[in-house]
């Protein structure tokens, strides 16, 4: 076995497990998993969203539209802030907690949702879609 390979095997655990300020743990270097079991429950002018917690996620973003969301995460994030885009998906990224209550919705309108988990390494992608129709 070469010296370089041996050194890499011996020291790689130290690189990923240091907890000192300024270092990033192994889990933070990996994007979090895609959230599972997204559910949308309709209420009076609101929809409550719940999903499975992702262990190494530091935040979540909710993507919603009144049409099915067919775009992937890269297409959506590339289009954010672009006035010439045809993508109409809206993003909720401030104060997203689980559960999340999306309020001020129009009764009788069907809303489609997908969720992504993020950390310093980014995101692995969007959850499966869930939808609900706001009631009066």
Protein backbone atom coordinates (compact mmCIF):
# COMPACT_ATOMS: atom_id res chain seq x y z
CA UNK A 1 0.00 0.00 0.00
CA UNK A 2 1.38 3.37 -0.92
CA UNK A 3 2.21 5.98 1.71
CA UNK A 4 -0.34 8.42 0.26
CA UNK A 5 -3.19 5.93 0.48
CA UNK A 6 -2.20 4.93 4.01
CA UNK A 7 -2.02 8.59 5.09
CA UNK A 8 -5.43 9.29 3.53
CA UNK A 9 -6.99 6.34 5.35
CA UNK A 10 -5.44 7.31 8.68
CA UNK A 11 -6.23 11.03 8.60
CA UNK A 12 -9.57 11.21 6.76
CA UNK A 13 -11.60 10.47 9.95
CA UNK A 14 -9.92 13.44 11.61
CA UNK A 15 -10.85 15.76 8.75
CA UNK A 16 -14.52 14.88 8.98
CA UNK A 17 -14.99 14.60 12.74
CA UNK A 18 -13.33 17.72 14.13
CA UNK A 19 -15.75 19.83 16.08
CA UNK A 20 -13.58 22.92 16.39
CA UNK A 21 -15.03 26.26 15.40
CA UNK A 22 -14.55 26.88 11.69
CA UNK A 23 -14.55 23.25 10.64
CA UNK A 24 -17.42 21.47 8.98
CA UNK A 25 -18.53 18.03 10.11
CA UNK A 26 -18.97 15.16 7.68
CA UNK A 27 -22.78 15.45 7.91
CA UNK A 28 -22.62 19.15 6.99
CA UNK A 29 -20.55 18.31 3.89
CA UNK A 30 -23.35 16.10 2.61
CA UNK A 31 -26.64 17.62 1.42
CA UNK A 32 -29.59 16.45 3.49
CA UNK A 33 -31.94 13.78 2.22
CA UNK A 34 -35.12 14.66 0.36
CA UNK A 35 -37.99 15.12 2.85
CA UNK A 36 -40.50 12.28 2.76
CA UNK A 37 -44.22 11.97 3.42
CA UNK A 38 -45.22 15.53 2.56
CA UNK A 39 -48.89 16.04 3.45
CA UNK A 40 -51.18 19.01 2.78
CA UNK A 41 -54.28 19.37 4.96
CA UNK A 42 -56.84 21.97 3.94
CA UNK A 43 -58.31 24.46 6.40
CA UNK A 44 -60.19 27.74 6.29
CA UNK A 45 -58.22 29.85 3.78
CA UNK A 46 -55.09 27.89 4.69
CA UNK A 47 -53.23 24.64 4.15
CA UNK A 48 -51.11 22.96 6.80
CA UNK A 49 -48.03 21.13 5.54
CA UNK A 50 -46.15 18.39 7.38
CA UNK A 51 -43.22 16.21 6.32
CA UNK A 52 -40.66 13.84 7.80
CA UNK A 53 -37.85 15.66 9.58
CA UNK A 54 -34.43 15.34 7.92
CA UNK A 55 -31.63 14.81 10.42
CA UNK A 56 -28.86 17.01 9.02
CA UNK A 57 -31.08 19.76 7.55
CA UNK A 58 -30.53 23.27 8.87
CA UNK A 59 -33.49 24.75 6.98
CA UNK A 60 -36.35 23.93 4.67
CA UNK A 61 -37.90 25.71 1.69
CA UNK A 62 -41.43 25.25 0.47
CA UNK A 63 -42.22 25.59 -3.22
CA UNK A 64 -45.85 26.11 -4.22
CA UNK A 65 -48.06 26.88 -7.17
CA UNK A 66 -51.68 26.61 -8.26
CA UNK A 67 -50.52 24.21 -11.00
CA UNK A 68 -48.58 20.97 -10.65
CA UNK A 69 -44.88 21.57 -10.02
CA UNK A 70 -43.02 19.83 -12.82
CA UNK A 71 -39.73 21.74 -12.56
CA UNK A 72 -36.77 20.37 -10.63
CA UNK A 73 -35.00 22.28 -7.85
CA UNK A 74 -32.23 23.63 -10.10
CA UNK A 75 -34.74 25.00 -12.62
CA UNK A 76 -36.69 26.72 -9.83
CA UNK A 77 -33.67 28.24 -8.08
CA UNK A 78 -32.13 29.37 -11.38
CA UNK A 79 -35.41 31.17 -12.22
CA UNK A 80 -35.76 32.99 -8.87
CA UNK A 81 -35.46 36.71 -9.44
CA UNK A 82 -35.41 36.34 -13.23
CA UNK A 83 -38.12 38.62 -14.70
CA UNK A 84 -37.95 36.75 -18.03
CA UNK A 85 -38.70 33.29 -16.68
CA UNK A 86 -41.83 31.32 -17.48
CA UNK A 87 -41.56 29.39 -14.20
CA UNK A 88 -44.29 30.56 -11.83
CA UNK A 89 -43.40 28.48 -8.76
CA UNK A 90 -43.33 30.55 -5.55
CA UNK A 91 -40.79 29.99 -2.78
CA UNK A 92 -41.28 30.25 0.98
CA UNK A 93 -37.88 30.27 2.66
CA UNK A 94 -38.21 32.44 5.75
CA UNK A 95 -39.26 30.94 9.07
CA UNK A 96 -40.22 27.56 7.60
CA UNK A 97 -41.05 25.16 10.40
CA UNK A 98 -42.63 21.72 10.42
CA UNK A 99 -45.62 21.88 10.48
CA UNK A 100 -46.02 24.97 8.31
CA UNK A 101 -49.34 26.78 7.88
CA UNK A 102 -49.72 28.57 4.53
CA UNK A 103 -52.35 31.24 5.18
CA UNK A 104 -54.30 33.84 3.21
CA UNK A 105 -55.28 31.38 0.48
CA UNK A 106 -58.25 31.66 -1.87
CA UNK A 107 -61.07 29.22 -1.00
CA UNK A 108 -61.78 26.69 -3.76
CA UNK A 109 -58.28 26.99 -5.22
CA UNK A 110 -56.06 23.91 -5.35
CA UNK A 111 -52.47 24.50 -4.20
CA UNK A 112 -49.52 22.20 -5.03
CA UNK A 113 -46.47 21.92 -2.77
CA UNK A 114 -42.99 20.42 -2.70
CA UNK A 115 -40.36 20.78 0.06
CA UNK A 116 -36.56 20.73 0.00
CA UNK A 117 -34.18 20.37 2.95
CA UNK A 118 -30.96 22.44 2.99
CA UNK A 119 -27.68 22.72 4.88
CA UNK A 120 -24.26 24.24 4.06
CA UNK A 121 -23.76 21.66 1.30
CA UNK A 122 -27.04 22.51 -0.46
CA UNK A 123 -29.96 20.19 -1.12
CA UNK A 124 -30.52 16.81 -2.77
CA UNK A 125 -33.82 17.88 -4.31
CA UNK A 126 -37.56 18.21 -3.97
CA UNK A 127 -40.00 16.03 -2.10
CA UNK A 128 -42.90 14.34 -3.82
CA UNK A 129 -45.78 16.72 -4.45
CA UNK A 130 -48.73 17.16 -2.11
CA UNK A 131 -51.79 19.27 -2.82
CA UNK A 132 -54.85 20.61 -1.10
CA UNK A 133 -57.80 22.88 -1.81
CA UNK A 134 -58.34 25.77 0.61
CA UNK A 135 -61.86 25.93 2.06
CA UNK A 136 -63.94 28.98 3.06
